[in-house]
N, C-alpha and C. Protein backbone atom coordinates (compact mmCIF):
# COMPACT_ATOMS: atom_id res chain seq x y z
N UNK A 1 118.08 112.26 96.04
CA UNK A 1 117.40 111.94 97.29
C UNK A 1 117.66 110.46 97.60
N UNK A 2 118.00 110.18 98.82
CA UNK A 2 118.29 108.82 99.26
C UNK A 2 117.02 108.13 99.75
N UNK A 3 116.95 106.82 99.55
CA UNK A 3 115.83 105.99 100.02
C UNK A 3 114.50 106.47 99.46
N UNK A 4 114.40 106.49 98.15
CA UNK A 4 113.21 107.01 97.48
C UNK A 4 112.05 106.02 97.45
N UNK A 5 110.86 106.59 97.42
CA UNK A 5 109.61 105.87 97.20
C UNK A 5 108.88 106.64 96.11
N UNK A 6 108.27 105.92 95.19
CA UNK A 6 107.48 106.57 94.14
C UNK A 6 106.00 106.38 94.47
N UNK A 7 105.25 107.47 94.44
CA UNK A 7 103.81 107.44 94.69
C UNK A 7 103.08 107.66 93.37
N UNK A 8 102.20 106.72 93.04
CA UNK A 8 101.36 106.84 91.85
C UNK A 8 99.90 106.85 92.31
N UNK A 9 99.15 107.84 91.85
CA UNK A 9 97.73 107.94 92.22
C UNK A 9 96.90 107.85 90.94
N UNK A 10 95.96 106.91 90.94
CA UNK A 10 95.08 106.69 89.80
C UNK A 10 93.64 106.89 90.28
N UNK A 11 92.89 107.73 89.57
CA UNK A 11 91.49 107.97 89.91
C UNK A 11 90.60 107.56 88.75
N UNK A 12 89.32 107.66 88.95
CA UNK A 12 88.36 107.37 87.89
C UNK A 12 88.51 108.33 86.71
N UNK A 13 89.17 109.47 86.94
CA UNK A 13 89.32 110.50 85.91
C UNK A 13 90.72 110.54 85.32
N UNK A 14 91.57 109.57 85.68
CA UNK A 14 92.94 109.53 85.16
C UNK A 14 93.94 109.48 86.28
N UNK A 15 95.22 109.62 85.92
CA UNK A 15 96.28 109.53 86.92
C UNK A 15 97.01 110.84 87.10
N UNK A 16 97.61 111.00 88.27
CA UNK A 16 98.47 112.14 88.53
C UNK A 16 99.89 111.76 88.12
N UNK A 17 100.74 112.74 87.90
CA UNK A 17 102.15 112.46 87.65
C UNK A 17 102.74 111.78 88.87
N UNK A 18 103.61 110.79 88.68
CA UNK A 18 104.24 110.12 89.82
C UNK A 18 105.03 111.13 90.67
N UNK A 19 105.03 110.90 91.98
CA UNK A 19 105.73 111.77 92.93
C UNK A 19 106.85 110.94 93.57
N UNK A 20 108.07 111.46 93.53
CA UNK A 20 109.20 110.80 94.19
C UNK A 20 109.35 111.45 95.56
N UNK A 21 109.39 110.62 96.60
CA UNK A 21 109.42 111.13 97.97
C UNK A 21 110.18 110.15 98.86
N UNK A 22 110.18 110.41 100.14
CA UNK A 22 110.83 109.51 101.09
C UNK A 22 109.83 108.74 101.95
N UNK A 23 108.60 109.26 102.07
CA UNK A 23 107.57 108.53 102.79
C UNK A 23 106.19 108.94 102.30
N UNK A 24 105.26 108.01 102.44
CA UNK A 24 103.86 108.24 102.08
C UNK A 24 103.02 107.87 103.29
N UNK A 25 102.03 108.71 103.61
CA UNK A 25 101.13 108.46 104.73
C UNK A 25 99.71 108.32 104.19
N UNK A 26 99.10 107.18 104.48
CA UNK A 26 97.80 106.82 103.92
C UNK A 26 96.73 106.73 105.01
N UNK A 27 95.47 107.10 104.67
CA UNK A 27 94.36 106.91 105.62
C UNK A 27 93.80 105.50 105.47
N UNK A 28 93.91 104.68 106.50
CA UNK A 28 93.43 103.30 106.42
C UNK A 28 92.05 103.16 107.04
N UNK A 29 91.26 102.24 106.48
CA UNK A 29 89.97 101.95 107.10
C UNK A 29 90.10 100.70 107.95
N UNK A 30 89.24 100.61 108.94
CA UNK A 30 89.27 99.49 109.89
C UNK A 30 87.84 99.22 110.31
N UNK A 31 87.38 98.05 110.07
CA UNK A 31 86.03 97.71 110.49
C UNK A 31 85.04 97.78 109.33
N UNK A 32 83.86 97.30 109.58
CA UNK A 32 82.83 97.20 108.56
C UNK A 32 82.37 98.55 108.02
N UNK A 33 82.48 99.60 108.84
CA UNK A 33 82.00 100.91 108.38
C UNK A 33 83.05 101.67 107.57
N UNK A 34 84.27 101.13 107.44
CA UNK A 34 85.29 101.78 106.63
C UNK A 34 85.96 102.96 107.29
N UNK A 35 85.82 103.11 108.59
CA UNK A 35 86.41 104.23 109.32
C UNK A 35 87.30 103.72 110.45
N UNK A 36 88.07 104.62 111.02
CA UNK A 36 88.75 104.32 112.27
C UNK A 36 90.10 103.64 112.19
N UNK A 37 90.72 103.57 111.01
CA UNK A 37 91.99 102.87 110.89
C UNK A 37 93.21 103.73 111.16
N UNK A 38 93.04 105.03 111.16
CA UNK A 38 94.17 105.92 111.40
C UNK A 38 95.04 106.09 110.16
N UNK A 39 96.26 106.56 110.37
CA UNK A 39 97.20 106.82 109.29
C UNK A 39 98.32 105.79 109.34
N UNK A 40 98.83 105.43 108.16
CA UNK A 40 99.90 104.44 108.07
C UNK A 40 100.99 104.99 107.17
N UNK A 41 102.24 104.92 107.63
CA UNK A 41 103.37 105.43 106.87
C UNK A 41 104.14 104.35 106.16
N UNK A 42 104.61 104.66 104.95
CA UNK A 42 105.38 103.73 104.14
C UNK A 42 106.68 104.41 103.73
N UNK A 43 107.79 103.68 103.91
CA UNK A 43 109.12 104.17 103.53
C UNK A 43 109.80 103.16 102.61
N UNK A 44 110.95 103.55 102.09
CA UNK A 44 111.78 102.70 101.25
C UNK A 44 112.01 101.34 101.93
N UNK A 45 111.88 100.26 101.17
CA UNK A 45 112.13 98.93 101.70
C UNK A 45 110.92 98.23 102.29
N UNK A 46 109.75 98.87 102.24
CA UNK A 46 108.53 98.25 102.79
C UNK A 46 108.23 96.96 102.04
N UNK A 47 107.75 95.97 102.76
CA UNK A 47 107.36 94.70 102.14
C UNK A 47 106.13 94.89 101.26
N UNK A 48 105.89 93.94 100.35
CA UNK A 48 104.68 93.98 99.53
C UNK A 48 103.47 94.03 100.44
N UNK A 49 102.50 94.87 100.07
CA UNK A 49 101.30 94.99 100.91
C UNK A 49 100.14 95.52 100.08
N UNK A 50 98.94 95.28 100.58
CA UNK A 50 97.71 95.81 100.00
C UNK A 50 96.86 96.36 101.14
N UNK A 51 96.42 97.61 101.00
CA UNK A 51 95.66 98.28 102.06
C UNK A 51 94.32 98.78 101.54
N UNK A 52 93.28 98.69 102.37
CA UNK A 52 92.00 99.33 102.09
C UNK A 52 92.08 100.75 102.65
N UNK A 53 91.72 101.74 101.83
CA UNK A 53 91.83 103.14 102.23
C UNK A 53 90.50 103.71 102.69
N UNK A 54 90.59 104.57 103.68
CA UNK A 54 89.43 105.32 104.16
C UNK A 54 89.40 106.67 103.44
N UNK A 55 88.33 107.40 103.64
CA UNK A 55 88.30 108.80 103.20
C UNK A 55 89.17 109.58 104.17
N UNK A 56 90.11 110.37 103.66
CA UNK A 56 90.95 111.13 104.56
C UNK A 56 92.20 111.63 103.88
N UNK A 57 93.11 112.22 104.67
CA UNK A 57 94.30 112.84 104.11
C UNK A 57 95.37 111.84 103.67
N UNK A 58 95.96 112.12 102.53
CA UNK A 58 97.10 111.37 102.01
C UNK A 58 98.23 112.38 101.87
N UNK A 59 99.43 112.00 102.28
CA UNK A 59 100.55 112.95 102.25
C UNK A 59 101.83 112.24 101.83
N UNK A 60 102.63 112.92 101.00
CA UNK A 60 103.95 112.44 100.61
C UNK A 60 104.98 113.46 101.10
N UNK A 61 106.06 112.95 101.74
CA UNK A 61 107.09 113.82 102.32
C UNK A 61 108.46 113.52 101.71
N UNK A 62 109.25 114.57 101.54
CA UNK A 62 110.63 114.43 101.08
C UNK A 62 111.47 115.44 101.85
N UNK A 63 112.54 114.94 102.47
CA UNK A 63 113.45 115.78 103.24
C UNK A 63 112.71 116.65 104.27
N UNK A 64 111.72 116.04 104.91
CA UNK A 64 110.97 116.70 105.96
C UNK A 64 109.91 117.69 105.51
N UNK A 65 109.70 117.79 104.21
CA UNK A 65 108.70 118.74 103.68
C UNK A 65 107.63 117.99 102.90
N UNK A 66 106.42 118.52 102.95
CA UNK A 66 105.32 117.95 102.20
C UNK A 66 105.48 118.25 100.72
N UNK A 67 105.48 117.22 99.88
CA UNK A 67 105.57 117.42 98.44
C UNK A 67 104.22 117.18 97.75
N UNK A 68 103.31 116.50 98.44
CA UNK A 68 101.95 116.30 97.95
C UNK A 68 101.06 116.04 99.13
N UNK A 69 99.92 116.72 99.16
CA UNK A 69 98.93 116.50 100.21
C UNK A 69 97.55 116.68 99.60
N UNK A 70 96.64 115.80 99.99
CA UNK A 70 95.28 115.91 99.49
C UNK A 70 94.36 114.95 100.21
N UNK A 71 93.13 114.92 99.73
CA UNK A 71 92.09 114.08 100.32
C UNK A 71 91.79 112.92 99.39
N UNK A 72 91.84 111.73 99.96
CA UNK A 72 91.59 110.49 99.24
C UNK A 72 90.16 110.05 99.54
N UNK A 73 89.47 109.54 98.54
CA UNK A 73 88.08 109.10 98.73
C UNK A 73 87.98 107.59 98.75
N UNK A 74 88.68 106.96 99.70
CA UNK A 74 88.65 105.51 99.81
C UNK A 74 89.45 104.85 98.70
N UNK A 75 89.27 103.56 98.54
CA UNK A 75 89.96 102.81 97.50
C UNK A 75 90.97 101.85 98.09
N UNK A 76 92.05 101.61 97.34
CA UNK A 76 93.08 100.66 97.74
C UNK A 76 94.46 101.22 97.44
N UNK A 77 95.46 100.75 98.18
CA UNK A 77 96.85 101.10 97.92
C UNK A 77 97.66 99.81 97.94
N UNK A 78 98.57 99.69 96.98
CA UNK A 78 99.48 98.55 96.97
C UNK A 78 100.91 99.07 97.08
N UNK A 79 101.76 98.25 97.69
CA UNK A 79 103.18 98.59 97.84
C UNK A 79 103.98 97.44 97.25
N UNK A 80 104.88 97.78 96.32
CA UNK A 80 105.76 96.77 95.74
C UNK A 80 106.95 97.48 95.12
N UNK A 81 108.15 96.99 95.41
CA UNK A 81 109.40 97.52 94.84
C UNK A 81 109.52 99.04 95.01
N UNK A 82 109.25 99.52 96.22
CA UNK A 82 109.37 100.94 96.57
C UNK A 82 108.45 101.85 95.75
N UNK A 83 107.34 101.27 95.29
CA UNK A 83 106.30 102.05 94.61
C UNK A 83 104.99 101.85 95.34
N UNK A 84 104.34 102.95 95.68
CA UNK A 84 103.02 102.94 96.31
C UNK A 84 102.03 103.37 95.24
N UNK A 85 101.10 102.47 94.90
CA UNK A 85 100.08 102.79 93.90
C UNK A 85 98.73 102.90 94.61
N UNK A 86 98.12 104.06 94.48
CA UNK A 86 96.82 104.34 95.10
C UNK A 86 95.76 104.37 94.01
N UNK A 87 94.71 103.57 94.18
CA UNK A 87 93.57 103.58 93.27
C UNK A 87 92.38 104.06 94.08
N UNK A 88 91.84 105.20 93.68
CA UNK A 88 90.76 105.84 94.46
C UNK A 88 89.76 106.48 93.50
N UNK A 89 88.53 106.62 93.95
CA UNK A 89 87.50 107.25 93.15
C UNK A 89 87.89 108.69 92.80
N UNK A 90 88.40 109.41 93.80
CA UNK A 90 88.74 110.82 93.61
C UNK A 90 89.86 111.22 94.56
N UNK A 91 90.76 112.06 94.09
CA UNK A 91 91.82 112.65 94.93
C UNK A 91 91.81 114.15 94.68
N UNK A 92 91.69 114.90 95.78
CA UNK A 92 91.66 116.36 95.70
C UNK A 92 92.85 116.92 96.44
N UNK A 93 93.70 117.66 95.73
CA UNK A 93 94.86 118.28 96.38
C UNK A 93 94.43 119.37 97.34
N UNK A 94 95.13 119.44 98.47
CA UNK A 94 94.88 120.51 99.44
C UNK A 94 95.59 121.78 99.01
């Protein structure tokens, strides 16, 4: 697969196996209430970043197909060297 991104999800109960994909879509929070930020996509080559996550859907795509989808319960996501690391209280696969 060309232009890979690795997604790592860590919860209070442990981590999921890393997922290799082409893009990751995260639910972002905006404002004091932690809601309303919409979805943000990350692809290969993204600059270093740190995001506050809202409760909502998280999705990883490869070659136009969903390889992982679930519900994130807030937390944070960091991006560095084509790796997206999500730290959340709980992640439930759809």
